[in-house]
ModelCIF file with pLDDT and N, C-alpha, C, O atoms, coordinates in Angstrom:
data_MODEL
#
_entry.id   MODEL 
#
_entity.id                         1 
_entity.type                       polymer 
_entity.pdbx_number_of_molecules   1 
#
_entity_poly.entity_id                      1 
_entity_poly.type                           'polypeptide(L)' 
_entity_poly.nstd_linkage                   no 
_entity_poly.nstd_monomer                   no 
_entity_poly.pdbx_seq_one_letter_code       STSLAYTVGVEMLDKSMELNQTLSDGMVKMMENSV 
_entity_poly.pdbx_seq_one_letter_code_can   STSLAYTVGVEMLDKSMELNQTLSDGMVKMMENSV 
_entity_poly.pdbx_strand_id                 A 
#
loop_
_entity_poly_seq.entity_id 
_entity_poly_seq.num 
_entity_poly_seq.mon_id 
_entity_poly_seq.hetero 
1 1  SER n 
1 2  THR n 
1 3  SER n 
1 4  LEU n 
1 5  ALA n 
1 6  TYR n 
1 7  THR n 
1 8  VAL n 
1 9  GLY n 
1 10 VAL n 
1 11 GLU n 
1 12 MET n 
1 13 LEU n 
1 14 ASP n 
1 15 LYS n 
1 16 SER n 
1 17 MET n 
1 18 GLU n 
1 19 LEU n 
1 20 ASN n 
1 21 GLN n 
1 22 THR n 
1 23 LEU n 
1 24 SER n 
1 25 ASP n 
1 26 GLY n 
1 27 MET n 
1 28 VAL n 
1 29 LYS n 
1 30 MET n 
1 31 MET n 
1 32 GLU n 
1 33 ASN n 
1 34 SER n 
1 35 VAL n 
#
_struct_asym.id          A 
_struct_asym.entity_id   1 
#
loop_
_ma_qa_metric.id 
_ma_qa_metric.mode 
_ma_qa_metric.name 
_ma_qa_metric.software_group_id 
_ma_qa_metric.type 
1 global pLDDT . pLDDT 
2 local  pLDDT . pLDDT 
#
_ma_qa_metric_global.metric_id      1 
_ma_qa_metric_global.metric_value   88.69 
_ma_qa_metric_global.model_id       1 
_ma_qa_metric_global.ordinal_id     1 
#
loop_
_ma_qa_metric_local.label_asym_id 
_ma_qa_metric_local.label_comp_id 
_ma_qa_metric_local.label_seq_id 
_ma_qa_metric_local.metric_id 
_ma_qa_metric_local.metric_value 
_ma_qa_metric_local.model_id 
_ma_qa_metric_local.ordinal_id 
A SER 1  2 74.00 1 1  
A THR 2  2 80.00 1 2  
A SER 3  2 84.00 1 3  
A LEU 4  2 85.00 1 4  
A ALA 5  2 86.00 1 5  
A TYR 6  2 89.00 1 6  
A THR 7  2 88.00 1 7  
A VAL 8  2 90.00 1 8  
A GLY 9  2 91.00 1 9  
A VAL 10 2 92.00 1 10 
A GLU 11 2 92.00 1 11 
A MET 12 2 94.00 1 12 
A LEU 13 2 94.00 1 13 
A ASP 14 2 93.00 1 14 
A LYS 15 2 94.00 1 15 
A SER 16 2 95.00 1 16 
A MET 17 2 95.00 1 17 
A GLU 18 2 94.00 1 18 
A LEU 19 2 95.00 1 19 
A ASN 20 2 95.00 1 20 
A GLN 21 2 94.00 1 21 
A THR 22 2 93.00 1 22 
A LEU 23 2 93.00 1 23 
A SER 24 2 93.00 1 24 
A ASP 25 2 93.00 1 25 
A GLY 26 2 91.00 1 26 
A MET 27 2 91.00 1 27 
A VAL 28 2 89.00 1 28 
A LYS 29 2 88.00 1 29 
A MET 30 2 85.00 1 30 
A MET 31 2 84.00 1 31 
A GLU 32 2 80.00 1 32 
A ASN 33 2 77.00 1 33 
A SER 34 2 77.00 1 34 
A VAL 35 2 76.00 1 35 
#
loop_
_atom_site.group_PDB 
_atom_site.id 
_atom_site.type_symbol 
_atom_site.label_atom_id 
_atom_site.label_alt_id 
_atom_site.label_comp_id 
_atom_site.label_asym_id 
_atom_site.label_entity_id 
_atom_site.label_seq_id 
_atom_site.pdbx_PDB_ins_code 
_atom_site.Cartn_x 
_atom_site.Cartn_y 
_atom_site.Cartn_z 
_atom_site.occupancy 
_atom_site.B_iso_or_equiv 
_atom_site.pdbx_formal_charge 
_atom_site.auth_seq_id 
_atom_site.auth_comp_id 
_atom_site.auth_asym_id 
_atom_site.auth_atom_id 
_atom_site.pdbx_PDB_model_num 
ATOM 1   N N  . SER A 1 1  ? 9.277   66.127  -4.333 1.00 74.00 ? 1  SER A N  1 
ATOM 2   C CA . SER A 1 1  ? 8.227   66.808  -3.578 1.00 74.00 ? 1  SER A CA 1 
ATOM 3   C C  . SER A 1 1  ? 8.527   68.297  -3.482 1.00 74.00 ? 1  SER A C  1 
ATOM 4   O O  . SER A 1 1  ? 7.613   69.099  -3.293 1.00 74.00 ? 1  SER A O  1 
ATOM 5   N N  . THR A 1 2  ? 9.790   68.675  -3.610 1.00 80.00 ? 2  THR A N  1 
ATOM 6   C CA . THR A 1 2  ? 10.154  70.097  -3.609 1.00 80.00 ? 2  THR A CA 1 
ATOM 7   C C  . THR A 1 2  ? 9.549   70.785  -4.820 1.00 80.00 ? 2  THR A C  1 
ATOM 8   O O  . THR A 1 2  ? 9.062   71.911  -4.717 1.00 80.00 ? 2  THR A O  1 
ATOM 9   N N  . SER A 1 3  ? 9.576   70.120  -5.966 1.00 84.00 ? 3  SER A N  1 
ATOM 10  C CA . SER A 1 3  ? 8.984   70.683  -7.170 1.00 84.00 ? 3  SER A CA 1 
ATOM 11  C C  . SER A 1 3  ? 7.476   70.842  -7.016 1.00 84.00 ? 3  SER A C  1 
ATOM 12  O O  . SER A 1 3  ? 6.902   71.835  -7.461 1.00 84.00 ? 3  SER A O  1 
ATOM 13  N N  . LEU A 1 4  ? 6.837   69.858  -6.383 1.00 85.00 ? 4  LEU A N  1 
ATOM 14  C CA . LEU A 1 4  ? 5.400   69.950  -6.123 1.00 85.00 ? 4  LEU A CA 1 
ATOM 15  C C  . LEU A 1 4  ? 5.109   71.113  -5.194 1.00 85.00 ? 4  LEU A C  1 
ATOM 16  O O  . LEU A 1 4  ? 4.177   71.880  -5.436 1.00 85.00 ? 4  LEU A O  1 
ATOM 17  N N  . ALA A 1 5  ? 5.895   71.254  -4.131 1.00 86.00 ? 5  ALA A N  1 
ATOM 18  C CA . ALA A 1 5  ? 5.693   72.355  -3.184 1.00 86.00 ? 5  ALA A CA 1 
ATOM 19  C C  . ALA A 1 5  ? 5.886   73.699  -3.885 1.00 86.00 ? 5  ALA A C  1 
ATOM 20  O O  . ALA A 1 5  ? 5.142   74.645  -3.626 1.00 86.00 ? 5  ALA A O  1 
ATOM 21  N N  . TYR A 1 6  ? 6.868   73.787  -4.761 1.00 89.00 ? 6  TYR A N  1 
ATOM 22  C CA . TYR A 1 6  ? 7.113   75.011  -5.517 1.00 89.00 ? 6  TYR A CA 1 
ATOM 23  C C  . TYR A 1 6  ? 5.921   75.346  -6.413 1.00 89.00 ? 6  TYR A C  1 
ATOM 24  O O  . TYR A 1 6  ? 5.468   76.490  -6.452 1.00 89.00 ? 6  TYR A O  1 
ATOM 25  N N  . THR A 1 7  ? 5.421   74.351  -7.124 1.00 88.00 ? 7  THR A N  1 
ATOM 26  C CA . THR A 1 7  ? 4.290   74.562  -8.034 1.00 88.00 ? 7  THR A CA 1 
ATOM 27  C C  . THR A 1 7  ? 3.048   75.008  -7.268 1.00 88.00 ? 7  THR A C  1 
ATOM 28  O O  . THR A 1 7  ? 2.359   75.940  -7.684 1.00 88.00 ? 7  THR A O  1 
ATOM 29  N N  . VAL A 1 8  ? 2.765   74.346  -6.153 1.00 90.00 ? 8  VAL A N  1 
ATOM 30  C CA . VAL A 1 8  ? 1.607   74.719  -5.338 1.00 90.00 ? 8  VAL A CA 1 
ATOM 31  C C  . VAL A 1 8  ? 1.797   76.122  -4.767 1.00 90.00 ? 8  VAL A C  1 
ATOM 32  O O  . VAL A 1 8  ? 0.850   76.906  -4.715 1.00 90.00 ? 8  VAL A O  1 
ATOM 33  N N  . GLY A 1 9  ? 3.010   76.436  -4.342 1.00 91.00 ? 9  GLY A N  1 
ATOM 34  C CA . GLY A 1 9  ? 3.295   77.769  -3.811 1.00 91.00 ? 9  GLY A CA 1 
ATOM 35  C C  . GLY A 1 9  ? 3.073   78.857  -4.843 1.00 91.00 ? 9  GLY A C  1 
ATOM 36  O O  . GLY A 1 9  ? 2.532   79.917  -4.529 1.00 91.00 ? 9  GLY A O  1 
ATOM 37  N N  . VAL A 1 10 ? 3.491   78.599  -6.075 1.00 92.00 ? 10 VAL A N  1 
ATOM 38  C CA . VAL A 1 10 ? 3.304   79.584  -7.144 1.00 92.00 ? 10 VAL A CA 1 
ATOM 39  C C  . VAL A 1 10 ? 1.815   79.780  -7.432 1.00 92.00 ? 10 VAL A C  1 
ATOM 40  O O  . VAL A 1 10 ? 1.366   80.908  -7.636 1.00 92.00 ? 10 VAL A O  1 
ATOM 41  N N  . GLU A 1 11 ? 1.052   78.689  -7.450 1.00 92.00 ? 11 GLU A N  1 
ATOM 42  C CA . GLU A 1 11 ? -0.396  78.795  -7.682 1.00 92.00 ? 11 GLU A CA 1 
ATOM 43  C C  . GLU A 1 11 ? -1.076  79.592  -6.563 1.00 92.00 ? 11 GLU A C  1 
ATOM 44  O O  . GLU A 1 11 ? -1.954  80.415  -6.824 1.00 92.00 ? 11 GLU A O  1 
ATOM 45  N N  . MET A 1 12 ? -0.664  79.343  -5.318 1.00 94.00 ? 12 MET A N  1 
ATOM 46  C CA . MET A 1 12 ? -1.251  80.060  -4.186 1.00 94.00 ? 12 MET A CA 1 
ATOM 47  C C  . MET A 1 12 ? -0.888  81.543  -4.233 1.00 94.00 ? 12 MET A C  1 
ATOM 48  O O  . MET A 1 12 ? -1.721  82.395  -3.922 1.00 94.00 ? 12 MET A O  1 
ATOM 49  N N  . LEU A 1 13 ? 0.338   81.854  -4.617 1.00 94.00 ? 13 LEU A N  1 
ATOM 50  C CA . LEU A 1 13 ? 0.757   83.251  -4.757 1.00 94.00 ? 13 LEU A CA 1 
ATOM 51  C C  . LEU A 1 13 ? -0.059  83.940  -5.838 1.00 94.00 ? 13 LEU A C  1 
ATOM 52  O O  . LEU A 1 13 ? -0.452  85.095  -5.671 1.00 94.00 ? 13 LEU A O  1 
ATOM 53  N N  . ASP A 1 14 ? -0.319  83.252  -6.943 1.00 93.00 ? 14 ASP A N  1 
ATOM 54  C CA . ASP A 1 14 ? -1.126  83.816  -8.026 1.00 93.00 ? 14 ASP A CA 1 
ATOM 55  C C  . ASP A 1 14 ? -2.532  84.147  -7.534 1.00 93.00 ? 14 ASP A C  1 
ATOM 56  O O  . ASP A 1 14 ? -3.060  85.221  -7.823 1.00 93.00 ? 14 ASP A O  1 
ATOM 57  N N  . LYS A 1 15 ? -3.134  83.223  -6.790 1.00 94.00 ? 15 LYS A N  1 
ATOM 58  C CA . LYS A 1 15 ? -4.485  83.461  -6.266 1.00 94.00 ? 15 LYS A CA 1 
ATOM 59  C C  . LYS A 1 15 ? -4.486  84.604  -5.265 1.00 94.00 ? 15 LYS A C  1 
ATOM 60  O O  . LYS A 1 15 ? -5.425  85.399  -5.230 1.00 94.00 ? 15 LYS A O  1 
ATOM 61  N N  . SER A 1 16 ? -3.438  84.694  -4.447 1.00 95.00 ? 16 SER A N  1 
ATOM 62  C CA . SER A 1 16 ? -3.324  85.773  -3.476 1.00 95.00 ? 16 SER A CA 1 
ATOM 63  C C  . SER A 1 16 ? -3.204  87.125  -4.170 1.00 95.00 ? 16 SER A C  1 
ATOM 64  O O  . SER A 1 16 ? -3.807  88.105  -3.732 1.00 95.00 ? 16 SER A O  1 
ATOM 65  N N  . MET A 1 17 ? -2.433  87.180  -5.241 1.00 95.00 ? 17 MET A N  1 
ATOM 66  C CA . MET A 1 17 ? -2.290  88.426  -5.988 1.00 95.00 ? 17 MET A CA 1 
ATOM 67  C C  . MET A 1 17 ? -3.601  88.840  -6.637 1.00 95.00 ? 17 MET A C  1 
ATOM 68  O O  . MET A 1 17 ? -3.925  90.027  -6.669 1.00 95.00 ? 17 MET A O  1 
ATOM 69  N N  . GLU A 1 18 ? -4.362  87.878  -7.157 1.00 94.00 ? 18 GLU A N  1 
ATOM 70  C CA . GLU A 1 18 ? -5.669  88.179  -7.740 1.00 94.00 ? 18 GLU A CA 1 
ATOM 71  C C  . GLU A 1 18 ? -6.612  88.741  -6.683 1.00 94.00 ? 18 GLU A C  1 
ATOM 72  O O  . GLU A 1 18 ? -7.340  89.700  -6.941 1.00 94.00 ? 18 GLU A O  1 
ATOM 73  N N  . LEU A 1 19 ? -6.600  88.144  -5.490 1.00 95.00 ? 19 LEU A N  1 
ATOM 74  C CA . LEU A 1 19 ? -7.452  88.621  -4.399 1.00 95.00 ? 19 LEU A CA 1 
ATOM 75  C C  . LEU A 1 19 ? -7.067  90.032  -3.987 1.00 95.00 ? 19 LEU A C  1 
ATOM 76  O O  . LEU A 1 19 ? -7.941  90.872  -3.777 1.00 95.00 ? 19 LEU A O  1 
ATOM 77  N N  . ASN A 1 20 ? -5.773  90.305  -3.867 1.00 95.00 ? 20 ASN A N  1 
ATOM 78  C CA . ASN A 1 20 ? -5.320  91.646  -3.498 1.00 95.00 ? 20 ASN A CA 1 
ATOM 79  C C  . ASN A 1 20 ? -5.715  92.668  -4.544 1.00 95.00 ? 20 ASN A C  1 
ATOM 80  O O  . ASN A 1 20 ? -6.071  93.793  -4.194 1.00 95.00 ? 20 ASN A O  1 
ATOM 81  N N  . GLN A 1 21 ? -5.663  92.312  -5.814 1.00 94.00 ? 21 GLN A N  1 
ATOM 82  C CA . GLN A 1 21 ? -6.069  93.224  -6.879 1.00 94.00 ? 21 GLN A CA 1 
ATOM 83  C C  . GLN A 1 21 ? -7.558  93.538  -6.777 1.00 94.00 ? 21 GLN A C  1 
ATOM 84  O O  . GLN A 1 21 ? -7.966  94.690  -6.926 1.00 94.00 ? 21 GLN A O  1 
ATOM 85  N N  . THR A 1 22 ? -8.364  92.516  -6.523 1.00 93.00 ? 22 THR A N  1 
ATOM 86  C CA . THR A 1 22 ? -9.806  92.710  -6.371 1.00 93.00 ? 22 THR A CA 1 
ATOM 87  C C  . THR A 1 22 ? -10.114 93.613  -5.186 1.00 93.00 ? 22 THR A C  1 
ATOM 88  O O  . THR A 1 22 ? -10.942 94.518  -5.289 1.00 93.00 ? 22 THR A O  1 
ATOM 89  N N  . LEU A 1 23 ? -9.451  93.370  -4.064 1.00 93.00 ? 23 LEU A N  1 
ATOM 90  C CA . LEU A 1 23 ? -9.673  94.190  -2.868 1.00 93.00 ? 23 LEU A CA 1 
ATOM 91  C C  . LEU A 1 23 ? -9.229  95.628  -3.087 1.00 93.00 ? 23 LEU A C  1 
ATOM 92  O O  . LEU A 1 23 ? -9.903  96.556  -2.639 1.00 93.00 ? 23 LEU A O  1 
ATOM 93  N N  . SER A 1 24 ? -8.113  95.826  -3.764 1.00 93.00 ? 24 SER A N  1 
ATOM 94  C CA . SER A 1 24 ? -7.643  97.194  -3.995 1.00 93.00 ? 24 SER A CA 1 
ATOM 95  C C  . SER A 1 24 ? -8.557  97.934  -4.968 1.00 93.00 ? 24 SER A C  1 
ATOM 96  O O  . SER A 1 24 ? -8.771  99.137  -4.818 1.00 93.00 ? 24 SER A O  1 
ATOM 97  N N  . ASP A 1 25 ? -9.094  97.232  -5.960 1.00 93.00 ? 25 ASP A N  1 
ATOM 98  C CA . ASP A 1 25 ? -10.063 97.873  -6.867 1.00 93.00 ? 25 ASP A CA 1 
ATOM 99  C C  . ASP A 1 25 ? -11.300 98.319  -6.098 1.00 93.00 ? 25 ASP A C  1 
ATOM 100 O O  . ASP A 1 25 ? -11.830 99.403  -6.343 1.00 93.00 ? 25 ASP A O  1 
ATOM 101 N N  . GLY A 1 26 ? -11.761 97.483  -5.165 1.00 91.00 ? 26 GLY A N  1 
ATOM 102 C CA . GLY A 1 26 ? -12.912 97.840  -4.340 1.00 91.00 ? 26 GLY A CA 1 
ATOM 103 C C  . GLY A 1 26 ? -12.620 99.029  -3.448 1.00 91.00 ? 26 GLY A C  1 
ATOM 104 O O  . GLY A 1 26 ? -13.482 99.886  -3.255 1.00 91.00 ? 26 GLY A O  1 
ATOM 105 N N  . MET A 1 27 ? -11.405 99.091  -2.898 1.00 91.00 ? 27 MET A N  1 
ATOM 106 C CA . MET A 1 27 ? -11.037 100.213 -2.038 1.00 91.00 ? 27 MET A CA 1 
ATOM 107 C C  . MET A 1 27 ? -10.976 101.511 -2.820 1.00 91.00 ? 27 MET A C  1 
ATOM 108 O O  . MET A 1 27 ? -11.408 102.554 -2.330 1.00 91.00 ? 27 MET A O  1 
ATOM 109 N N  . VAL A 1 28 ? -10.440 101.456 -4.041 1.00 89.00 ? 28 VAL A N  1 
ATOM 110 C CA . VAL A 1 28 ? -10.375 102.650 -4.884 1.00 89.00 ? 28 VAL A CA 1 
ATOM 111 C C  . VAL A 1 28 ? -11.784 103.139 -5.188 1.00 89.00 ? 28 VAL A C  1 
ATOM 112 O O  . VAL A 1 28 ? -12.053 104.338 -5.123 1.00 89.00 ? 28 VAL A O  1 
ATOM 113 N N  . LYS A 1 29 ? -12.683 102.221 -5.518 1.00 88.00 ? 29 LYS A N  1 
ATOM 114 C CA . LYS A 1 29 ? -14.065 102.607 -5.820 1.00 88.00 ? 29 LYS A CA 1 
ATOM 115 C C  . LYS A 1 29 ? -14.730 103.224 -4.596 1.00 88.00 ? 29 LYS A C  1 
ATOM 116 O O  . LYS A 1 29 ? -15.447 104.217 -4.716 1.00 88.00 ? 29 LYS A O  1 
ATOM 117 N N  . MET A 1 30 ? -14.499 102.644 -3.420 1.00 85.00 ? 30 MET A N  1 
ATOM 118 C CA . MET A 1 30 ? -15.072 103.169 -2.188 1.00 85.00 ? 30 MET A CA 1 
ATOM 119 C C  . MET A 1 30 ? -14.542 104.575 -1.905 1.00 85.00 ? 30 MET A C  1 
ATOM 120 O O  . MET A 1 30 ? -15.299 105.449 -1.482 1.00 85.00 ? 30 MET A O  1 
ATOM 121 N N  . MET A 1 31 ? -13.244 104.796 -2.135 1.00 84.00 ? 31 MET A N  1 
ATOM 122 C CA . MET A 1 31 ? -12.666 106.119 -1.903 1.00 84.00 ? 31 MET A CA 1 
ATOM 123 C C  . MET A 1 31 ? -13.199 107.137 -2.900 1.00 84.00 ? 31 MET A C  1 
ATOM 124 O O  . MET A 1 31 ? -13.421 108.294 -2.543 1.00 84.00 ? 31 MET A O  1 
ATOM 125 N N  . GLU A 1 32 ? -13.405 106.721 -4.142 1.00 80.00 ? 32 GLU A N  1 
ATOM 126 C CA . GLU A 1 32 ? -13.982 107.632 -5.128 1.00 80.00 ? 32 GLU A CA 1 
ATOM 127 C C  . GLU A 1 32 ? -15.386 108.039 -4.727 1.00 80.00 ? 32 GLU A C  1 
ATOM 128 O O  . GLU A 1 32 ? -15.765 109.197 -4.904 1.00 80.00 ? 32 GLU A O  1 
ATOM 129 N N  . ASN A 1 33 ? -16.165 107.111 -4.191 1.00 77.00 ? 33 ASN A N  1 
ATOM 130 C CA . ASN A 1 33 ? -17.526 107.421 -3.770 1.00 77.00 ? 33 ASN A CA 1 
ATOM 131 C C  . ASN A 1 33 ? -17.552 108.296 -2.526 1.00 77.00 ? 33 ASN A C  1 
ATOM 132 O O  . ASN A 1 33 ? -18.508 109.046 -2.329 1.00 77.00 ? 33 ASN A O  1 
ATOM 133 N N  . SER A 1 34 ? -16.538 108.222 -1.690 1.00 77.00 ? 34 SER A N  1 
ATOM 134 C CA . SER A 1 34 ? -16.526 109.011 -0.474 1.00 77.00 ? 34 SER A CA 1 
ATOM 135 C C  . SER A 1 34 ? -16.227 110.485 -0.742 1.00 77.00 ? 34 SER A C  1 
ATOM 136 O O  . SER A 1 34 ? -16.522 111.337 0.096  1.00 77.00 ? 34 SER A O  1 
ATOM 137 N N  . VAL A 1 35 ? -15.645 110.792 -1.903 1.00 76.00 ? 35 VAL A N  1 
ATOM 138 C CA . VAL A 1 35 ? -15.355 112.179 -2.242 1.00 76.00 ? 35 VAL A CA 1 
ATOM 139 C C  . VAL A 1 35 ? -16.650 112.948 -2.468 1.00 76.00 ? 35 VAL A C  1 
ATOM 140 O O  . VAL A 1 35 ? -16.616 114.142 -2.765 1.00 76.00 ? 35 VAL A O  1 
#
């Protein structure tokens, strides 16, 4: 079950990183428009 928990944790981290990248791209675009 430790291996399962590790695999699920890695998948969740991957999704979290994708979400953070999307949010940061949106923030950069918003800052560019505010100039």
